[in-house]
Amino acid sequence: VLKNIEGVGMSLMSLIKKEMTRSLYAK
């Protein structure tokens, strides 16, 4: 549970960051 919560949090923030840099509009 501990590792899953930590991993999901990190992966989610990484995914959001990736999506927000795809285009000028997203940035």
PDB file of all heavy atoms in Angstrom:
ATOM      1  N   VAL A   1       0.837  -1.203   0.000  1.00  0.00           N
ATOM      2  CA  VAL A   1       0.000   0.000   0.000  1.00  0.00           C
ATOM      3  C   VAL A   1       0.869   1.248   0.000  1.00  0.00           C
ATOM      4  O   VAL A   1       0.644   2.194  -0.764  1.00  0.00           O
ATOM      5  CB  VAL A   1      -0.944   0.003   1.217  1.00  0.00           C
ATOM      6  CG1 VAL A   1      -1.592   1.379   1.399  1.00  0.00           C
ATOM      7  CG2 VAL A   1      -2.021  -1.057   1.063  1.00  0.00           C
ATOM      8  N   LEU A   2       1.882   1.252   0.862  1.00  0.00           N
ATOM      9  CA  LEU A   2       2.790   2.397   0.977  1.00  0.00           C
ATOM     10  C   LEU A   2       3.463   2.699  -0.358  1.00  0.00           C
ATOM     11  O   LEU A   2       3.451   3.846  -0.839  1.00  0.00           O
ATOM     12  CB  LEU A   2       3.851   2.107   2.037  1.00  0.00           C
ATOM     13  CG  LEU A   2       4.974   3.134   2.203  1.00  0.00           C
ATOM     14  CD1 LEU A   2       4.420   4.458   2.714  1.00  0.00           C
ATOM     15  CD2 LEU A   2       6.043   2.601   3.142  1.00  0.00           C
ATOM     16  N   LYS A   3       4.039   1.676  -0.983  1.00  0.00           N
ATOM     17  CA  LYS A   3       4.750   1.867  -2.243  1.00  0.00           C
ATOM     18  C   LYS A   3       3.780   2.232  -3.380  1.00  0.00           C
ATOM     19  O   LYS A   3       4.127   3.010  -4.277  1.00  0.00           O
ATOM     20  CB  LYS A   3       5.520   0.590  -2.596  1.00  0.00           C
ATOM     21  CG  LYS A   3       6.608   0.211  -1.582  1.00  0.00           C
ATOM     22  CD  LYS A   3       7.714   1.246  -1.525  1.00  0.00           C
ATOM     23  CE  LYS A   3       8.742   0.930  -0.444  1.00  0.00           C
ATOM     24  NZ  LYS A   3       9.354  -0.385  -0.570  1.00  0.00           N
ATOM     25  N   ASN A   4       2.577   1.682  -3.334  1.00  0.00           N
ATOM     26  CA  ASN A   4       1.603   1.975  -4.383  1.00  0.00           C
ATOM     27  C   ASN A   4       1.153   3.438  -4.327  1.00  0.00           C
ATOM     28  O   ASN A   4       1.081   4.116  -5.352  1.00  0.00           O
ATOM     29  CB  ASN A   4       0.394   1.061  -4.241  1.00  0.00           C
ATOM     30  CG  ASN A   4      -0.598   1.241  -5.370  1.00  0.00           C
ATOM     31  OD1 ASN A   4      -0.274   1.046  -6.535  1.00  0.00           O
ATOM     32  ND2 ASN A   4      -1.821   1.624  -5.035  1.00  0.00           N
ATOM     33  N   ILE A   5       0.883   3.936  -3.125  1.00  0.00           N
ATOM     34  CA  ILE A   5       0.468   5.329  -2.983  1.00  0.00           C
ATOM     35  C   ILE A   5       1.586   6.263  -3.440  1.00  0.00           C
ATOM     36  O   ILE A   5       1.349   7.243  -4.164  1.00  0.00           O
ATOM     37  CB  ILE A   5       0.070   5.630  -1.526  1.00  0.00           C
ATOM     38  CG1 ILE A   5      -1.244   4.920  -1.191  1.00  0.00           C
ATOM     39  CG2 ILE A   5      -0.056   7.131  -1.289  1.00  0.00           C
ATOM     40  CD1 ILE A   5      -1.691   5.083   0.241  1.00  0.00           C
ATOM     41  N   GLU A   6       2.803   5.947  -3.049  1.00  0.00           N
ATOM     42  CA  GLU A   6       3.940   6.763  -3.456  1.00  0.00           C
ATOM     43  C   GLU A   6       4.115   6.717  -4.974  1.00  0.00           C
ATOM     44  O   GLU A   6       4.305   7.751  -5.629  1.00  0.00           O
ATOM     45  CB  GLU A   6       5.216   6.276  -2.768  1.00  0.00           C
ATOM     46  CG  GLU A   6       6.439   7.107  -3.108  1.00  0.00           C
ATOM     47  CD  GLU A   6       7.692   6.606  -2.418  1.00  0.00           C
ATOM     48  OE1 GLU A   6       7.742   5.425  -2.027  1.00  0.00           O
ATOM     49  OE2 GLU A   6       8.642   7.396  -2.263  1.00  0.00           O
ATOM     50  N   GLY A   7       4.033   5.525  -5.551  1.00  0.00           N
ATOM     51  CA  GLY A   7       4.247   5.369  -6.988  1.00  0.00           C
ATOM     52  C   GLY A   7       3.162   6.010  -7.830  1.00  0.00           C
ATOM     53  O   GLY A   7       3.450   6.660  -8.837  1.00  0.00           O
ATOM     54  N   VAL A   8       1.910   5.852  -7.407  1.00  0.00           N
ATOM     55  CA  VAL A   8       0.802   6.451  -8.151  1.00  0.00           C
ATOM     56  C   VAL A   8       0.917   7.968  -8.146  1.00  0.00           C
ATOM     57  O   VAL A   8       0.713   8.635  -9.174  1.00  0.00           O
ATOM     58  CB  VAL A   8      -0.554   6.014  -7.560  1.00  0.00           C
ATOM     59  CG1 VAL A   8      -1.684   6.863  -8.128  1.00  0.00           C
ATOM     60  CG2 VAL A   8      -0.812   4.542  -7.853  1.00  0.00           C
ATOM     61  N   GLY A   9       1.262   8.534  -6.993  1.00  0.00           N
ATOM     62  CA  GLY A   9       1.418   9.982  -6.897  1.00  0.00           C
ATOM     63  C   GLY A   9       2.492  10.501  -7.834  1.00  0.00           C
ATOM     64  O   GLY A   9       2.285  11.486  -8.560  1.00  0.00           O
ATOM     65  N   MET A  10       3.635   9.828  -7.856  1.00  0.00           N
ATOM     66  CA  MET A  10       4.741  10.253  -8.716  1.00  0.00           C
ATOM     67  C   MET A  10       4.389  10.091 -10.196  1.00  0.00           C
ATOM     68  O   MET A  10       4.676  10.976 -11.014  1.00  0.00           O
ATOM     69  CB  MET A  10       5.990   9.435  -8.374  1.00  0.00           C
ATOM     70  CG  MET A  10       6.554   9.716  -6.982  1.00  0.00           C
ATOM     71  SD  MET A  10       7.890   8.590  -6.512  1.00  0.00           S
ATOM     72  CE  MET A  10       9.111   8.959  -7.754  1.00  0.00           C
ATOM     73  N   SER A  11       3.754   8.975 -10.528  1.00  0.00           N
ATOM     74  CA  SER A  11       3.397   8.721 -11.932  1.00  0.00           C
ATOM     75  C   SER A  11       2.344   9.702 -12.423  1.00  0.00           C
ATOM     76  O   SER A  11       2.398  10.169 -13.563  1.00  0.00           O
ATOM     77  CB  SER A  11       2.874   7.289 -12.084  1.00  0.00           C
ATOM     78  OG  SER A  11       3.876   6.345 -11.753  1.00  0.00           O
ATOM     79  N   LEU A  12       1.389  10.018 -11.563  1.00  0.00           N
ATOM     80  CA  LEU A  12       0.332  10.944 -11.945  1.00  0.00           C
ATOM     81  C   LEU A  12       0.899  12.328 -12.229  1.00  0.00           C
ATOM     82  O   LEU A  12       0.548  12.965 -13.224  1.00  0.00           O
ATOM     83  CB  LEU A  12      -0.720  11.021 -10.838  1.00  0.00           C
ATOM     84  CG  LEU A  12      -1.928  11.919 -11.105  1.00  0.00           C
ATOM     85  CD1 LEU A  12      -2.669  11.453 -12.347  1.00  0.00           C
ATOM     86  CD2 LEU A  12      -2.866  11.926  -9.900  1.00  0.00           C
ATOM     87  N   MET A  13       1.789  12.809 -11.367  1.00  0.00           N
ATOM     88  CA  MET A  13       2.375  14.127 -11.569  1.00  0.00           C
ATOM     89  C   MET A  13       3.253  14.134 -12.825  1.00  0.00           C
ATOM     90  O   MET A  13       3.286  15.124 -13.560  1.00  0.00           O
ATOM     91  CB  MET A  13       3.199  14.530 -10.342  1.00  0.00           C
ATOM     92  CG  MET A  13       2.385  14.744  -9.072  1.00  0.00           C
ATOM     93  SD  MET A  13       0.999  15.894  -9.263  1.00  0.00           S
ATOM     94  CE  MET A  13       1.869  17.411  -9.658  1.00  0.00           C
ATOM     95  N   SER A  14       3.943  13.032 -13.080  1.00  0.00           N
ATOM     96  CA  SER A  14       4.769  12.927 -14.279  1.00  0.00           C
ATOM     97  C   SER A  14       3.914  12.962 -15.540  1.00  0.00           C
ATOM     98  O   SER A  14       4.267  13.607 -16.536  1.00  0.00           O
ATOM     99  CB  SER A  14       5.589  11.633 -14.231  1.00  0.00           C
ATOM    100  OG  SER A  14       6.354  11.478 -15.401  1.00  0.00           O
ATOM    101  N   LEU A  15       2.770  12.271 -15.508  1.00  0.00           N
ATOM    102  CA  LEU A  15       1.857  12.243 -16.653  1.00  0.00           C
ATOM    103  C   LEU A  15       1.278  13.630 -16.927  1.00  0.00           C
ATOM    104  O   LEU A  15       1.205  14.072 -18.076  1.00  0.00           O
ATOM    105  CB  LEU A  15       0.740  11.241 -16.384  1.00  0.00           C
ATOM    106  CG  LEU A  15      -0.326  11.096 -17.481  1.00  0.00           C
ATOM    107  CD1 LEU A  15       0.306  10.620 -18.781  1.00  0.00           C
ATOM    108  CD2 LEU A  15      -1.411  10.123 -17.031  1.00  0.00           C
ATOM    109  N   ILE A  16       0.874  14.322 -15.862  1.00  0.00           N
ATOM    110  CA  ILE A  16       0.320  15.674 -16.016  1.00  0.00           C
ATOM    111  C   ILE A  16       1.361  16.618 -16.603  1.00  0.00           C
ATOM    112  O   ILE A  16       1.074  17.412 -17.508  1.00  0.00           O
ATOM    113  CB  ILE A  16      -0.181  16.200 -14.656  1.00  0.00           C
ATOM    114  CG1 ILE A  16      -1.402  15.399 -14.200  1.00  0.00           C
ATOM    115  CG2 ILE A  16      -0.537  17.686 -14.756  1.00  0.00           C
ATOM    116  CD1 ILE A  16      -1.871  15.730 -12.806  1.00  0.00           C
ATOM    117  N   LYS A  17       2.597  16.508 -16.096  1.00  0.00           N
ATOM    118  CA  LYS A  17       3.673  17.362 -16.600  1.00  0.00           C
ATOM    119  C   LYS A  17       3.930  17.105 -18.082  1.00  0.00           C
ATOM    120  O   LYS A  17       4.142  18.037 -18.865  1.00  0.00           O
ATOM    121  CB  LYS A  17       4.954  17.104 -15.800  1.00  0.00           C
ATOM    122  CG  LYS A  17       6.109  18.009 -16.182  1.00  0.00           C
ATOM    123  CD  LYS A  17       7.325  17.735 -15.301  1.00  0.00           C
ATOM    124  CE  LYS A  17       8.489  18.634 -15.698  1.00  0.00           C
ATOM    125  NZ  LYS A  17       9.689  18.371 -14.839  1.00  0.00           N
ATOM    126  N   LYS A  18       3.889  15.842 -18.473  1.00  0.00           N
ATOM    127  CA  LYS A  18       4.106  15.478 -19.871  1.00  0.00           C
ATOM    128  C   LYS A  18       3.014  16.051 -20.767  1.00  0.00           C
ATOM    129  O   LYS A  18       3.285  16.591 -21.848  1.00  0.00           O
ATOM    130  CB  LYS A  18       4.156  13.954 -19.998  1.00  0.00           C
ATOM    131  CG  LYS A  18       4.440  13.454 -21.405  1.00  0.00           C
ATOM    132  CD  LYS A  18       4.509  11.925 -21.423  1.00  0.00           C
ATOM    133  CE  LYS A  18       4.778  11.412 -22.820  1.00  0.00           C
ATOM    134  NZ  LYS A  18       4.844   9.924 -22.851  1.00  0.00           N
ATOM    135  N   GLU A  19       1.758  15.937 -20.314  1.00  0.00           N
ATOM    136  CA  GLU A  19       0.632  16.429 -21.103  1.00  0.00           C
ATOM    137  C   GLU A  19       0.652  17.949 -21.229  1.00  0.00           C
ATOM    138  O   GLU A  19       0.244  18.511 -22.241  1.00  0.00           O
ATOM    139  CB  GLU A  19      -0.687  15.972 -20.467  1.00  0.00           C
ATOM    140  CG  GLU A  19      -0.960  14.485 -20.592  1.00  0.00           C
ATOM    141  CD  GLU A  19      -1.110  14.049 -22.045  1.00  0.00           C
ATOM    142  OE1 GLU A  19      -1.688  14.808 -22.841  1.00  0.00           O
ATOM    143  OE2 GLU A  19      -0.622  12.960 -22.386  1.00  0.00           O
ATOM    144  N   MET A  20       1.168  18.623 -20.214  1.00  0.00           N
ATOM    145  CA  MET A  20       1.162  20.087 -20.199  1.00  0.00           C
ATOM    146  C   MET A  20       2.314  20.697 -20.997  1.00  0.00           C
ATOM    147  O   MET A  20       2.424  21.915 -21.092  1.00  0.00           O
ATOM    148  CB  MET A  20       1.200  20.590 -18.749  1.00  0.00           C
ATOM    149  CG  MET A  20      -0.107  20.339 -17.999  1.00  0.00           C
ATOM    150  SD  MET A  20       0.015  20.683 -16.234  1.00  0.00           S
ATOM    151  CE  MET A  20       0.544  22.384 -16.253  1.00  0.00           C
ATOM    152  N   THR A  21       3.162  19.870 -21.563  1.00  0.00           N
ATOM    153  CA  THR A  21       4.269  20.384 -22.376  1.00  0.00           C
ATOM    154  C   THR A  21       4.182  19.903 -23.830  1.00  0.00           C
ATOM    155  O   THR A  21       5.141  20.039 -24.589  1.00  0.00           O
ATOM    156  CB  THR A  21       5.619  19.946 -21.769  1.00  0.00           C
ATOM    157  OG1 THR A  21       5.656  18.517 -21.643  1.00  0.00           O
ATOM    158  CG2 THR A  21       5.835  20.578 -20.394  1.00  0.00           C
ATOM    159  N   ARG A  22       3.035  19.358 -24.213  1.00  0.00           N
ATOM    160  CA  ARG A  22       2.881  18.807 -25.563  1.00  0.00           C
ATOM    161  C   ARG A  22       2.776  19.901 -26.629  1.00  0.00           C
ATOM    162  O   ARG A  22       3.175  19.701 -27.766  1.00  0.00           O
ATOM    163  CB  ARG A  22       1.636  17.919 -25.624  1.00  0.00           C
ATOM    164  CG  ARG A  22       1.840  16.545 -25.014  1.00  0.00           C
ATOM    165  CD  ARG A  22       0.630  15.664 -25.272  1.00  0.00           C
ATOM    166  NE  ARG A  22       0.822  14.319 -24.724  1.00  0.00           N
ATOM    167  CZ  ARG A  22       1.435  13.329 -25.356  1.00  0.00           C
ATOM    168  NH1 ARG A  22       1.927  13.541 -26.561  1.00  0.00           N
ATOM    169  NH2 ARG A  22       1.554  12.142 -24.791  1.00  0.00           N
ATOM    170  N   SER A  23       2.228  21.054 -26.271  1.00  0.00           N
ATOM    171  CA  SER A  23       2.026  22.122 -27.245  1.00  0.00           C
ATOM    172  C   SER A  23       2.107  23.471 -26.553  1.00  0.00           C
ATOM    173  O   SER A  23       2.130  23.556 -25.319  1.00  0.00           O
ATOM    174  CB  SER A  23       0.661  21.969 -27.912  1.00  0.00           C
ATOM    175  OG  SER A  23      -0.371  22.150 -26.954  1.00  0.00           O
ATOM    176  N   LEU A  24       2.148  24.529 -27.349  1.00  0.00           N
ATOM    177  CA  LEU A  24       2.186  25.877 -26.793  1.00  0.00           C
ATOM    178  C   LEU A  24       0.924  26.159 -25.994  1.00  0.00           C
ATOM    179  O   LEU A  24       0.979  26.756 -24.907  1.00  0.00           O
ATOM    180  CB  LEU A  24       2.330  26.906 -27.921  1.00  0.00           C
ATOM    181  CG  LEU A  24       2.337  28.386 -27.491  1.00  0.00           C
ATOM    182  CD1 LEU A  24       3.490  28.651 -26.548  1.00  0.00           C
ATOM    183  CD2 LEU A  24       2.423  29.277 -28.725  1.00  0.00           C
ATOM    184  N   TYR A  25      -0.224  25.721 -26.518  1.00  0.00           N
ATOM    185  CA  TYR A  25      -1.485  25.926 -25.806  1.00  0.00           C
ATOM    186  C   TYR A  25      -1.461  25.219 -24.446  1.00  0.00           C
ATOM    187  O   TYR A  25      -1.893  25.775 -23.421  1.00  0.00           O
ATOM    188  CB  TYR A  25      -2.646  25.399 -26.648  1.00  0.00           C
ATOM    189  CG  TYR A  25      -3.982  25.446 -25.939  1.00  0.00           C
ATOM    190  CD1 TYR A  25      -4.659  26.650 -25.772  1.00  0.00           C
ATOM    191  CD2 TYR A  25      -4.556  24.272 -25.428  1.00  0.00           C
ATOM    192  CE1 TYR A  25      -5.887  26.695 -25.115  1.00  0.00           C
ATOM    193  CE2 TYR A  25      -5.774  24.309 -24.767  1.00  0.00           C
ATOM    194  CZ  TYR A  25      -6.433  25.528 -24.614  1.00  0.00           C
ATOM    195  OH  TYR A  25      -7.633  25.563 -23.962  1.00  0.00           O
ATOM    196  N   ALA A  26      -0.948  23.983 -24.444  1.00  0.00           N
ATOM    197  CA  ALA A  26      -0.882  23.217 -23.194  1.00  0.00           C
ATOM    198  C   ALA A  26       0.048  23.894 -22.191  1.00  0.00           C
ATOM    199  O   ALA A  26      -0.231  23.918 -20.991  1.00  0.00           O
ATOM    200  CB  ALA A  26      -0.404  21.800 -23.485  1.00  0.00           C
ATOM    201  N   LYS A  27       1.140  24.469 -22.700  1.00  0.00           N
ATOM    202  CA  LYS A  27       2.082  25.161 -21.810  1.00  0.00           C
ATOM    203  C   LYS A  27       1.441  26.397 -21.185  1.00  0.00           C
ATOM    204  O   LYS A  27       1.631  26.676 -19.993  1.00  0.00           O
ATOM    205  CB  LYS A  27       3.339  25.549 -22.578  1.00  0.00           C
ATOM    206  CG  LYS A  27       4.213  24.371 -22.973  1.00  0.00           C
ATOM    207  CD  LYS A  27       5.426  24.822 -23.763  1.00  0.00           C
ATOM    208  CE  LYS A  27       6.286  23.631 -24.186  1.00  0.00           C
ATOM    209  NZ  LYS A  27       7.457  24.053 -24.982  1.00  0.00           N
TER     210      LYS A  27
END
